[in-house]
PDB file of N, CA and C in Angstrom:
ATOM      1  N   MET A   1       5.134   7.686  -4.142  1.00  0.00           N
ATOM      2  CA  MET A   1       4.276   8.639  -3.512  1.00  0.00           C
ATOM      3  C   MET A   1       3.278   7.909  -2.621  1.00  0.00           C
ATOM      4  N   LEU A   2       2.814   8.614  -1.633  1.00  0.00           N
ATOM      5  CA  LEU A   2       1.860   8.047  -0.691  1.00  0.00           C
ATOM      6  C   LEU A   2       0.463   8.582  -0.956  1.00  0.00           C
ATOM      7  N   VAL A   3      -0.508   7.721  -0.685  1.00  0.00           N
ATOM      8  CA  VAL A   3      -1.907   8.109  -0.733  1.00  0.00           C
ATOM      9  C   VAL A   3      -2.424   7.975   0.690  1.00  0.00           C
ATOM     10  N   THR A   4      -3.048   9.035   1.177  1.00  0.00           N
ATOM     11  CA  THR A   4      -3.588   9.040   2.534  1.00  0.00           C
ATOM     12  C   THR A   4      -5.103   8.913   2.468  1.00  0.00           C
ATOM     13  N   PHE A   5      -5.624   7.881   3.114  1.00  0.00           N
ATOM     14  CA  PHE A   5      -7.057   7.646   3.180  1.00  0.00           C
ATOM     15  C   PHE A   5      -7.560   8.094   4.548  1.00  0.00           C
ATOM     16  N   THR A   6      -8.686   8.791   4.548  1.00  0.00           N
ATOM     17  CA  THR A   6      -9.289   9.235   5.798  1.00  0.00           C
ATOM     18  C   THR A   6     -10.788   8.948   5.782  1.00  0.00           C
ATOM     19  N   ALA A   7     -11.308   8.706   6.966  1.00  0.00           N
ATOM     20  CA  ALA A   7     -12.750   8.547   7.190  1.00  0.00           C
ATOM     21  C   ALA A   7     -12.995   8.915   8.640  1.00  0.00           C
ATOM     22  N   HIS A   8     -14.109   9.542   8.888  1.00  0.00           N
ATOM     23  CA  HIS A   8     -14.435   9.956  10.249  1.00  0.00           C
ATOM     24  C   HIS A   8     -14.477   8.766  11.201  1.00  0.00           C
ATOM     25  N   ALA A   9     -14.902   7.623  10.711  1.00  0.00           N
ATOM     26  CA  ALA A   9     -15.112   6.442  11.547  1.00  0.00           C
ATOM     27  C   ALA A   9     -13.869   5.601  11.778  1.00  0.00           C
ATOM     28  N   SER A  10     -12.730   5.977  11.191  1.00  0.00           N
ATOM     29  CA  SER A  10     -11.576   5.084  11.186  1.00  0.00           C
ATOM     30  C   SER A  10     -10.272   5.871  11.278  1.00  0.00           C
ATOM     31  N   PRO A  11      -9.213   5.231  11.761  1.00  0.00           N
ATOM     32  CA  PRO A  11      -7.898   5.885  11.743  1.00  0.00           C
ATOM     33  C   PRO A  11      -7.415   6.112  10.315  1.00  0.00           C
ATOM     34  N   THR A  12      -6.521   7.049  10.133  1.00  0.00           N
ATOM     35  CA  THR A  12      -5.940   7.378   8.829  1.00  0.00           C
ATOM     36  C   THR A  12      -5.057   6.226   8.343  1.00  0.00           C
ATOM     37  N   ILE A  13      -5.078   5.994   7.035  1.00  0.00           N
ATOM     38  CA  ILE A  13      -4.250   4.959   6.408  1.00  0.00           C
ATOM     39  C   ILE A  13      -3.356   5.627   5.371  1.00  0.00           C
ATOM     40  N   ASN A  14      -2.067   5.300   5.407  1.00  0.00           N
ATOM     41  CA  ASN A  14      -1.130   5.732   4.370  1.00  0.00           C
ATOM     42  C   ASN A  14      -0.748   4.507   3.554  1.00  0.00           C
ATOM     43  N   MET A  15      -0.784   4.644   2.238  1.00  0.00           N
ATOM     44  CA  MET A  15      -0.569   3.516   1.349  1.00  0.00           C
ATOM     45  C   MET A  15       0.278   3.975   0.159  1.00  0.00           C
ATOM     46  N   LEU A  16       1.126   3.100  -0.344  1.00  0.00           N
ATOM     47  CA  LEU A  16       1.876   3.412  -1.550  1.00  0.00           C
ATOM     48  C   LEU A  16       0.915   3.578  -2.720  1.00  0.00           C
ATOM     49  N   GLU A  17       1.269   4.465  -3.628  1.00  0.00           N
ATOM     50  CA  GLU A  17       0.367   4.822  -4.723  1.00  0.00           C
ATOM     51  C   GLU A  17      -0.008   3.631  -5.597  1.00  0.00           C
ATOM     52  N   ASN A  18       0.934   2.721  -5.886  1.00  0.00           N
ATOM     53  CA  ASN A  18       0.606   1.593  -6.766  1.00  0.00           C
ATOM     54  C   ASN A  18      -0.424   0.660  -6.138  1.00  0.00           C
ATOM     55  N   LEU A  19      -0.362   0.444  -4.834  1.00  0.00           N
ATOM     56  CA  LEU A  19      -1.363  -0.379  -4.158  1.00  0.00           C
ATOM     57  C   LEU A  19      -2.703   0.348  -4.126  1.00  0.00           C
ATOM     58  N   ALA A  20      -2.671   1.643  -3.859  1.00  0.00           N
ATOM     59  CA  ALA A  20      -3.906   2.432  -3.857  1.00  0.00           C
ATOM     60  C   ALA A  20      -4.565   2.386  -5.232  1.00  0.00           C
ATOM     61  N   GLN A  21      -3.764   2.474  -6.312  1.00  0.00           N
ATOM     62  CA  GLN A  21      -4.317   2.393  -7.668  1.00  0.00           C
ATOM     63  C   GLN A  21      -5.004   1.053  -7.893  1.00  0.00           C
ATOM     64  N   LEU A  22      -4.376  -0.021  -7.452  1.00  0.00           N
ATOM     65  CA  LEU A  22      -4.948  -1.351  -7.607  1.00  0.00           C
ATOM     66  C   LEU A  22      -6.289  -1.450  -6.876  1.00  0.00           C
ATOM     67  N   LEU A  23      -6.292  -1.072  -5.604  1.00  0.00           N
ATOM     68  CA  LEU A  23      -7.501  -1.227  -4.792  1.00  0.00           C
ATOM     69  C   LEU A  23      -8.615  -0.298  -5.254  1.00  0.00           C
ATOM     70  N   LEU A  24      -8.273   0.935  -5.577  1.00  0.00           N
ATOM     71  CA  LEU A  24      -9.297   1.858  -6.058  1.00  0.00           C
ATOM     72  C   LEU A  24      -9.813   1.425  -7.430  1.00  0.00           C
ATOM     73  N   GLY A  25      -8.958   0.844  -8.247  1.00  0.00           N
ATOM     74  CA  GLY A  25      -9.397   0.319  -9.531  1.00  0.00           C
ATOM     75  C   GLY A  25     -10.420  -0.789  -9.372  1.00  0.00           C
ATOM     76  N   ILE A  26     -10.233  -1.625  -8.378  1.00  0.00           N
ATOM     77  CA  ILE A  26     -11.184  -2.709  -8.103  1.00  0.00           C
ATOM     78  C   ILE A  26     -12.567  -2.147  -7.782  1.00  0.00           C
ATOM     79  N   VAL A  27     -12.608  -1.046  -7.042  1.00  0.00           N
ATOM     80  CA  VAL A  27     -13.902  -0.467  -6.656  1.00  0.00           C
ATOM     81  C   VAL A  27     -14.409   0.555  -7.672  1.00  0.00           C
ATOM     82  N   GLY A  28     -13.682   0.700  -8.784  1.00  0.00           N
ATOM     83  CA  GLY A  28     -14.146   1.561  -9.853  1.00  0.00           C
ATOM     84  C   GLY A  28     -13.772   3.027  -9.721  1.00  0.00           C
ATOM     85  N   LYS A  29     -12.709   3.310  -8.995  1.00  0.00           N
ATOM     86  CA  LYS A  29     -12.234   4.686  -8.817  1.00  0.00           C
ATOM     87  C   LYS A  29     -10.817   4.809  -9.359  1.00  0.00           C
ATOM     88  N   LYS A  30     -10.382   6.029  -9.580  1.00  0.00           N
ATOM     89  CA  LYS A  30      -9.018   6.300 -10.037  1.00  0.00           C
ATOM     90  C   LYS A  30      -8.323   7.192  -9.022  1.00  0.00           C
ATOM     91  N   VAL A  31      -7.028   6.970  -8.878  1.00  0.00           N
ATOM     92  CA  VAL A  31      -6.244   7.827  -7.997  1.00  0.00           C
ATOM     93  C   VAL A  31      -6.061   9.159  -8.707  1.00  0.00           C
ATOM     94  N   GLY A  32      -6.543  10.203  -8.091  1.00  0.00           N
ATOM     95  CA  GLY A  32      -6.317  11.549  -8.575  1.00  0.00           C
ATOM     96  C   GLY A  32      -5.662  12.318  -7.447  1.00  0.00           C
ATOM     97  N   GLU A  33      -5.518  13.599  -7.609  1.00  0.00           N
ATOM     98  CA  GLU A  33      -4.962  14.416  -6.532  1.00  0.00           C
ATOM     99  C   GLU A  33      -5.752  14.208  -5.243  1.00  0.00           C
ATOM    100  N   ARG A  34      -7.079  14.158  -5.405  1.00  0.00           N
ATOM    101  CA  ARG A  34      -8.002  13.893  -4.294  1.00  0.00           C
ATOM    102  C   ARG A  34      -9.181  13.100  -4.827  1.00  0.00           C
ATOM    103  N   GLY A  35      -9.847  12.397  -3.945  1.00  0.00           N
ATOM    104  CA  GLY A  35     -11.026  11.647  -4.353  1.00  0.00           C
ATOM    105  C   GLY A  35     -11.797  11.159  -3.155  1.00  0.00           C
ATOM    106  N   ALA A  36     -12.937  10.545  -3.436  1.00  0.00           N
ATOM    107  CA  ALA A  36     -13.777  10.050  -2.350  1.00  0.00           C
ATOM    108  C   ALA A  36     -14.635   8.889  -2.823  1.00  0.00           C
ATOM    109  N   ILE A  37     -14.946   8.033  -1.903  1.00  0.00           N
ATOM    110  CA  ILE A  37     -15.960   7.003  -2.069  1.00  0.00           C
ATOM    111  C   ILE A  37     -17.093   7.471  -1.173  1.00  0.00           C
ATOM    112  N   GLY A  38     -18.170   7.934  -1.776  1.00  0.00           N
ATOM    113  CA  GLY A  38     -19.274   8.527  -1.035  1.00  0.00           C
ATOM    114  C   GLY A  38     -19.995   7.525  -0.153  1.00  0.00           C
ATOM    115  N   SER A  39     -20.749   8.050   0.794  1.00  0.00           N
ATOM    116  CA  SER A  39     -21.484   7.191   1.721  1.00  0.00           C
ATOM    117  C   SER A  39     -22.444   6.266   0.983  1.00  0.00           C
ATOM    118  N   ASP A  40     -22.951   6.704  -0.162  1.00  0.00           N
ATOM    119  CA  ASP A  40     -23.849   5.861  -0.953  1.00  0.00           C
ATOM    120  C   ASP A  40     -23.095   4.820  -1.788  1.00  0.00           C
ATOM    121  N   GLU A  41     -21.770   4.899  -1.842  1.00  0.00           N
ATOM    122  CA  GLU A  41     -20.952   3.982  -2.637  1.00  0.00           C
ATOM    123  C   GLU A  41     -20.186   2.966  -1.797  1.00  0.00           C
ATOM    124  N   THR A  42     -20.146   3.137  -0.485  1.00  0.00           N
ATOM    125  CA  THR A  42     -19.300   2.266   0.342  1.00  0.00           C
ATOM    126  C   THR A  42     -19.765   0.818   0.312  1.00  0.00           C
ATOM    127  N   GLY A  43     -21.072   0.587   0.313  1.00  0.00           N
ATOM    128  CA  GLY A  43     -21.579  -0.791   0.278  1.00  0.00           C
ATOM    129  C   GLY A  43     -21.143  -1.528  -0.976  1.00  0.00           C
ATOM    130  N   ALA A  44     -21.261  -0.870  -2.119  1.00  0.00           N
ATOM    131  CA  ALA A  44     -20.833  -1.484  -3.385  1.00  0.00           C
ATOM    132  C   ALA A  44     -19.324  -1.677  -3.416  1.00  0.00           C
ATOM    133  N   ALA A  45     -18.574  -0.726  -2.873  1.00  0.00           N
ATOM    134  CA  ALA A  45     -17.109  -0.842  -2.833  1.00  0.00           C
ATOM    135  C   ALA A  45     -16.692  -2.029  -1.975  1.00  0.00           C
ATOM    136  N   ILE A  46     -17.353  -2.224  -0.860  1.00  0.00           N
ATOM    137  CA  ILE A  46     -17.065  -3.373   0.016  1.00  0.00           C
ATOM    138  C   ILE A  46     -17.324  -4.673  -0.748  1.00  0.00           C
ATOM    139  N   ALA A  47     -18.458  -4.747  -1.425  1.00  0.00           N
ATOM    140  CA  ALA A  47     -18.812  -5.961  -2.174  1.00  0.00           C
ATOM    141  C   ALA A  47     -17.790  -6.254  -3.262  1.00  0.00           C
ATOM    142  N   LYS A  48     -17.341  -5.234  -3.968  1.00  0.00           N
ATOM    143  CA  LYS A  48     -16.355  -5.421  -5.044  1.00  0.00           C
ATOM    144  C   LYS A  48     -15.018  -5.892  -4.496  1.00  0.00           C
ATOM    145  N   LEU A  49     -14.570  -5.299  -3.389  1.00  0.00           N
ATOM    146  CA  LEU A  49     -13.297  -5.727  -2.789  1.00  0.00           C
ATOM    147  C   LEU A  49     -13.402  -7.161  -2.269  1.00  0.00           C
ATOM    148  N   GLU A  50     -14.510  -7.481  -1.611  1.00  0.00           N
ATOM    149  CA  GLU A  50     -14.683  -8.844  -1.094  1.00  0.00           C
ATOM    150  C   GLU A  50     -14.718  -9.866  -2.226  1.00  0.00           C
ATOM    151  N   ALA A  51     -15.357  -9.523  -3.342  1.00  0.00           N
ATOM    152  CA  ALA A  51     -15.402 -10.432  -4.494  1.00  0.00           C
ATOM    153  C   ALA A  51     -14.005 -10.634  -5.079  1.00  0.00           C
ATOM    154  N   ALA A  52     -13.230  -9.561  -5.175  1.00  0.00           N
ATOM    155  CA  ALA A  52     -11.858  -9.668  -5.697  1.00  0.00           C
ATOM    156  C   ALA A  52     -10.986 -10.505  -4.765  1.00  0.00           C
ATOM    157  N   ILE A  53     -11.181 -10.353  -3.471  1.00  0.00           N
ATOM    158  CA  ILE A  53     -10.426 -11.149  -2.487  1.00  0.00           C
ATOM    159  C   ILE A  53     -10.776 -12.627  -2.636  1.00  0.00           C
ATOM    160  N   ALA A  54     -12.068 -12.927  -2.774  1.00  0.00           N
ATOM    161  CA  ALA A  54     -12.505 -14.320  -2.941  1.00  0.00           C
ATOM    162  C   ALA A  54     -11.926 -14.919  -4.221  1.00  0.00           C
ATOM    163  N   GLU A  55     -11.893 -14.134  -5.296  1.00  0.00           N
ATOM    164  CA  GLU A  55     -11.328 -14.591  -6.564  1.00  0.00           C
ATOM    165  C   GLU A  55      -9.830 -14.861  -6.431  1.00  0.00           C
ATOM    166  N   ASP A  56      -9.124 -13.980  -5.727  1.00  0.00           N
ATOM    167  CA  ASP A  56      -7.691 -14.164  -5.508  1.00  0.00           C
ATOM    168  C   ASP A  56      -7.424 -15.407  -4.664  1.00  0.00           C
ATOM    169  N   LYS A  57      -8.255 -15.633  -3.654  1.00  0.00           N
ATOM    170  CA  LYS A  57      -8.097 -16.814  -2.806  1.00  0.00           C
ATOM    171  C   LYS A  57      -8.345 -18.086  -3.604  1.00  0.00           C
ATOM    172  N   ALA A  58      -9.360 -18.061  -4.454  1.00  0.00           N
ATOM    173  CA  ALA A  58      -9.652 -19.229  -5.295  1.00  0.00           C
ATOM    174  C   ALA A  58      -8.488 -19.516  -6.240  1.00  0.00           C
ATOM    175  N   ALA A  59      -7.889 -18.470  -6.796  1.00  0.00           N
ATOM    176  CA  ALA A  59      -6.735 -18.649  -7.681  1.00  0.00           C
ATOM    177  C   ALA A  59      -5.554 -19.246  -6.917  1.00  0.00           C
ATOM    178  N   ALA A  60      -5.332 -18.776  -5.696  1.00  0.00           N
ATOM    179  CA  ALA A  60      -4.237 -19.308  -4.878  1.00  0.00           C
ATOM    180  C   ALA A  60      -4.493 -20.772  -4.526  1.00  0.00           C
ATOM    181  N   ASP A  61      -5.741 -21.087  -4.192  1.00  0.00           N
ATOM    182  CA  ASP A  61      -6.081 -22.480  -3.871  1.00  0.00           C
ATOM    183  C   ASP A  61      -5.875 -23.385  -5.082  1.00  0.00           C
ATOM    184  N   LYS A  62      -6.232 -22.879  -6.268  1.00  0.00           N
ATOM    185  CA  LYS A  62      -6.064 -23.664  -7.490  1.00  0.00           C
ATOM    186  C   LYS A  62      -4.583 -23.899  -7.787  1.00  0.00           C
ATOM    187  N   GLU A  63      -3.758 -22.865  -7.559  1.00  0.00           N
ATOM    188  CA  GLU A  63      -2.308 -23.000  -7.775  1.00  0.00           C
ATOM    189  C   GLU A  63      -1.720 -24.096  -6.894  1.00  0.00           C
ATOM    190  N   ASN A  64      -2.251 -24.219  -5.682  1.00  0.00           N
ATOM    191  CA  ASN A  64      -1.709 -25.179  -4.717  1.00  0.00           C
ATOM    192  C   ASN A  64      -2.453 -26.507  -4.709  1.00  0.00           C
ATOM    193  N   GLU A  65      -3.453 -26.650  -5.561  1.00  0.00           N
ATOM    194  CA  GLU A  65      -4.260 -27.867  -5.620  1.00  0.00           C
ATOM    195  C   GLU A  65      -3.391 -29.062  -5.983  1.00  0.00           C
ATOM    196  N   GLY A  66      -3.519 -30.107  -5.203  1.00  0.00           N
ATOM    197  CA  GLY A  66      -2.788 -31.337  -5.479  1.00  0.00           C
ATOM    198  C   GLY A  66      -1.340 -31.333  -5.045  1.00  0.00           C
ATOM    199  N   LYS A  67      -0.865 -30.248  -4.518  1.00  0.00           N
ATOM    200  CA  LYS A  67       0.528 -30.183  -4.073  1.00  0.00           C
ATOM    201  C   LYS A  67       0.627 -30.591  -2.613  1.00  0.00           C
ATOM    202  N   LYS A  68       1.733 -31.204  -2.280  1.00  0.00           N
ATOM    203  CA  LYS A  68       1.997 -31.519  -0.883  1.00  0.00           C
ATOM    204  C   LYS A  68       2.351 -30.230  -0.164  1.00  0.00           C
ATOM    205  N   SER A  69       2.254 -30.244   1.132  1.00  0.00           N
ATOM    206  CA  SER A  69       2.488 -29.021   1.906  1.00  0.00           C
ATOM    207  C   SER A  69       3.871 -28.432   1.669  1.00  0.00           C
ATOM    208  N   ASP A  70       4.877 -29.268   1.436  1.00  0.00           N
ATOM    209  CA  ASP A  70       6.220 -28.740   1.207  1.00  0.00           C
ATOM    210  C   ASP A  70       6.417 -28.228  -0.223  1.00  0.00           C
ATOM    211  N   GLU A  71       5.471 -28.508  -1.124  1.00  0.00           N
ATOM    212  CA  GLU A  71       5.554 -28.039  -2.507  1.00  0.00           C
ATOM    213  C   GLU A  71       4.716 -26.784  -2.750  1.00  0.00           C
ATOM    214  N   ARG A  72       3.903 -26.416  -1.789  1.00  0.00           N
ATOM    215  CA  ARG A  72       3.007 -25.277  -1.974  1.00  0.00           C
ATOM    216  C   ARG A  72       3.776 -23.972  -2.067  1.00  0.00           C
ATOM    217  N   ASP A  73       3.135 -23.003  -2.665  1.00  0.00           N
ATOM    218  CA  ASP A  73       3.720 -21.675  -2.850  1.00  0.00           C
ATOM    219  C   ASP A  73       3.768 -20.960  -1.498  1.00  0.00           C
ATOM    220  N   ASP A  74       4.888 -21.090  -0.823  1.00  0.00           N
ATOM    221  CA  ASP A  74       5.066 -20.473   0.486  1.00  0.00           C
ATOM    222  C   ASP A  74       6.137 -19.395   0.416  1.00  0.00           C
ATOM    223  N   ASP A  75       6.066 -18.556  -0.603  1.00  0.00           N
ATOM    224  CA  ASP A  75       7.087 -17.521  -0.773  1.00  0.00           C
ATOM    225  C   ASP A  75       6.776 -16.261   0.019  1.00  0.00           C
ATOM    226  N   ASN A  76       5.846 -16.382   0.963  1.00  0.00           N
ATOM    227  CA  ASN A  76       5.445 -15.255   1.812  1.00  0.00           C
ATOM    228  C   ASN A  76       4.902 -14.085   1.001  1.00  0.00           C
ATOM    229  N   ARG A  77       4.377 -14.385  -0.165  1.00  0.00           N
ATOM    230  CA  ARG A  77       3.770 -13.360  -1.006  1.00  0.00           C
ATOM    231  C   ARG A  77       2.483 -12.887  -0.327  1.00  0.00           C
ATOM    232  N   LEU A  78       2.326 -11.592  -0.278  1.00  0.00           N
ATOM    233  CA  LEU A  78       1.112 -11.039   0.304  1.00  0.00           C
ATOM    234  C   LEU A  78      -0.033 -11.207  -0.675  1.00  0.00           C
ATOM    235  N   ARG A  79      -1.106 -11.778  -0.210  1.00  0.00           N
ATOM    236  CA  ARG A  79      -2.286 -11.955  -1.042  1.00  0.00           C
ATOM    237  C   ARG A  79      -3.124 -10.677  -0.980  1.00  0.00           C
ATOM    238  N   LEU A  80      -4.087 -10.587  -1.863  1.00  0.00           N
ATOM    239  CA  LEU A  80      -4.942  -9.414  -1.927  1.00  0.00           C
ATOM    240  C   LEU A  80      -5.673  -9.179  -0.615  1.00  0.00           C
ATOM    241  N   SER A  81      -6.078 -10.247   0.059  1.00  0.00           N
ATOM    242  CA  SER A  81      -6.809 -10.075   1.325  1.00  0.00           C
ATOM    243  C   SER A  81      -5.976  -9.314   2.353  1.00  0.00           C
ATOM    244  N   GLN A  82      -4.679  -9.576   2.381  1.00  0.00           N
ATOM    245  CA  GLN A  82      -3.802  -8.886   3.333  1.00  0.00           C
ATOM    246  C   GLN A  82      -3.559  -7.442   2.909  1.00  0.00           C
ATOM    247  N   ARG A  83      -3.409  -7.226   1.620  1.00  0.00           N
ATOM    248  CA  ARG A  83      -3.147  -5.879   1.118  1.00  0.00           C
ATOM    249  C   ARG A  83      -4.384  -4.992   1.223  1.00  0.00           C
ATOM    250  N   ALA A  84      -5.545  -5.574   0.996  1.00  0.00           N
ATOM    251  CA  ALA A  84      -6.785  -4.796   0.969  1.00  0.00           C
ATOM    252  C   ALA A  84      -7.391  -4.587   2.350  1.00  0.00           C
ATOM    253  N   TYR A  85      -6.969  -5.355   3.344  1.00  0.00           N
ATOM    254  CA  TYR A  85      -7.629  -5.317   4.649  1.00  0.00           C
ATOM    255  C   TYR A  85      -7.759  -3.910   5.247  1.00  0.00           C
ATOM    256  N   PRO A  86      -6.725  -3.094   5.282  1.00  0.00           N
ATOM    257  CA  PRO A  86      -6.890  -1.771   5.911  1.00  0.00           C
ATOM    258  C   PRO A  86      -7.978  -0.927   5.239  1.00  0.00           C
ATOM    259  N   LEU A  87      -7.992  -0.899   3.907  1.00  0.00           N
ATOM    260  CA  LEU A  87      -9.008  -0.118   3.205  1.00  0.00           C
ATOM    261  C   LEU A  87     -10.381  -0.758   3.348  1.00  0.00           C
ATOM    262  N   LEU A  88     -10.448  -2.068   3.273  1.00  0.00           N
ATOM    263  CA  LEU A  88     -11.725  -2.763   3.438  1.00  0.00           C
ATOM    264  C   LEU A  88     -12.310  -2.492   4.818  1.00  0.00           C
ATOM    265  N   ASN A  89     -11.474  -2.538   5.832  1.00  0.00           N
ATOM    266  CA  ASN A  89     -11.928  -2.264   7.191  1.00  0.00           C
ATOM    267  C   ASN A  89     -12.417  -0.816   7.314  1.00  0.00           C
ATOM    268  N   MET A  90     -11.681   0.122   6.711  1.00  0.00           N
ATOM    269  CA  MET A  90     -12.097   1.522   6.735  1.00  0.00           C
ATOM    270  C   MET A  90     -13.454   1.692   6.040  1.00  0.00           C
ATOM    271  N   LEU A  91     -13.624   1.036   4.912  1.00  0.00           N
ATOM    272  CA  LEU A  91     -14.900   1.105   4.200  1.00  0.00           C
ATOM    273  C   LEU A  91     -16.040   0.550   5.043  1.00  0.00           C
ATOM    274  N   ARG A  92     -15.795  -0.560   5.712  1.00  0.00           N
ATOM    275  CA  ARG A  92     -16.836  -1.158   6.572  1.00  0.00           C
ATOM    276  C   ARG A  92     -17.220  -0.207   7.704  1.00  0.00           C
ATOM    277  N   GLU A  93     -16.218   0.406   8.333  1.00  0.00           N
ATOM    278  CA  GLU A  93     -16.504   1.333   9.432  1.00  0.00           C
ATOM    279  C   GLU A  93     -17.227   2.577   8.926  1.00  0.00           C
ATOM    280  N   ALA A  94     -16.815   3.089   7.781  1.00  0.00           N
ATOM    281  CA  ALA A  94     -17.486   4.252   7.202  1.00  0.00           C
ATOM    282  C   ALA A  94     -18.923   3.913   6.818  1.00  0.00           C
ATOM    283  N   ASN A  95     -19.122   2.730   6.256  1.00  0.00           N
ATOM    284  CA  ASN A  95     -20.458   2.291   5.867  1.00  0.00           C
ATOM    285  C   ASN A  95     -21.378   2.171   7.084  1.00  0.00           C
ATOM    286  N   ALA A  96     -20.848   1.622   8.163  1.00  0.00           N
ATOM    287  CA  ALA A  96     -21.644   1.463   9.385  1.00  0.00           C
ATOM    288  C   ALA A  96     -22.058   2.815   9.952  1.00  0.00           C
ATOM    289  N   GLU A  97     -21.202   3.819   9.773  1.00  0.00           N
ATOM    290  CA  GLU A  97     -21.492   5.161  10.285  1.00  0.00           C
ATOM    291  C   GLU A  97     -22.266   6.007   9.265  1.00  0.00           C
ATOM    292  N   GLY A  98     -22.329   5.539   8.038  1.00  0.00           N
ATOM    293  CA  GLY A  98     -22.972   6.324   6.984  1.00  0.00           C
ATOM    294  C   GLY A  98     -22.098   7.442   6.469  1.00  0.00           C
ATOM    295  N   GLY A  99     -20.780   7.235   6.544  1.00  0.00           N
ATOM    296  CA  GLY A  99     -19.828   8.257   6.120  1.00  0.00           C
ATOM    297  C   GLY A  99     -19.106   7.873   4.841  1.00  0.00           C
ATOM    298  N   ALA A 100     -18.235   8.764   4.409  1.00  0.00           N
ATOM    299  CA  ALA A 100     -17.462   8.570   3.178  1.00  0.00           C
ATOM    300  C   ALA A 100     -15.998   8.271   3.510  1.00  0.00           C
ATOM    301  N   VAL A 101     -15.294   7.747   2.512  1.00  0.00           N
ATOM    302  CA  VAL A 101     -13.843   7.561   2.595  1.00  0.00           C
ATOM    303  C   VAL A 101     -13.221   8.500   1.576  1.00  0.00           C
ATOM    304  N   MET A 102     -12.270   9.306   2.031  1.00  0.00           N
ATOM    305  CA  MET A 102     -11.602  10.262   1.150  1.00  0.00           C
ATOM    306  C   MET A 102     -10.125   9.924   1.056  1.00  0.00           C
ATOM    307  N   TRP A 103      -9.497  10.358  -0.043  1.00  0.00           N
ATOM    308  CA  TRP A 103      -8.058  10.175  -0.169  1.00  0.00           C
ATOM    309  C   TRP A 103      -7.426  11.387  -0.802  1.00  0.00           C
ATOM    310  N   GLU A 104      -6.121  11.474  -0.556  1.00  0.00           N
ATOM    311  CA  GLU A 104      -5.318  12.567  -1.101  1.00  0.00           C
ATOM    312  C   GLU A 104      -3.925  12.032  -1.373  1.00  0.00           C
ATOM    313  N   VAL A 105      -3.351  12.415  -2.503  1.00  0.00           N
ATOM    314  CA  VAL A 105      -2.012  11.988  -2.877  1.00  0.00           C
ATOM    315  C   VAL A 105      -0.995  12.982  -2.350  1.00  0.00           C
ATOM    316  N   SER A 106       0.033  12.463  -1.681  1.00  0.00           N
ATOM    317  CA  SER A 106       1.132  13.312  -1.187  1.00  0.00           C
ATOM    318  C   SER A 106       2.243  13.267  -2.219  1.00  0.00           C
ATOM    319  N   ARG A 107       2.631  14.389  -2.747  1.00  0.00           N
ATOM    320  CA  ARG A 107       3.670  14.464  -3.784  1.00  0.00           C
ATOM    321  C   ARG A 107       4.977  14.999  -3.206  1.00  0.00           C
ATOM    322  N   ASN A 108       5.431  14.447  -2.113  1.00  0.00           N
ATOM    323  CA  ASN A 108       6.668  14.901  -1.479  1.00  0.00           C
ATOM    324  C   ASN A 108       7.875  14.193  -2.014  1.00  0.00           C
TER     325      ASN A 108
END
């Protein structure tokens, strides 16, 4: 199923439900039929996502510590920073405008 994120300040984002659950869980929300990150919550949501991205990057750096470039984990795995970028960008734009981010689950 798809989750559609909308904000007045940003283009619409469609995301698979499992990724939306992960990202919303990081910011302390749950995927329901509908939901929102209010204008008063966007700053904290941005901080939580950025902290999780930094933690994921540190874990990746630790995994590759001491390895030669040809031994590093180059399996083209998407890191959290790449997966979270669209929602993080939407949150930043909504925060700058003082708006909210809303989502809705499509059950087609």
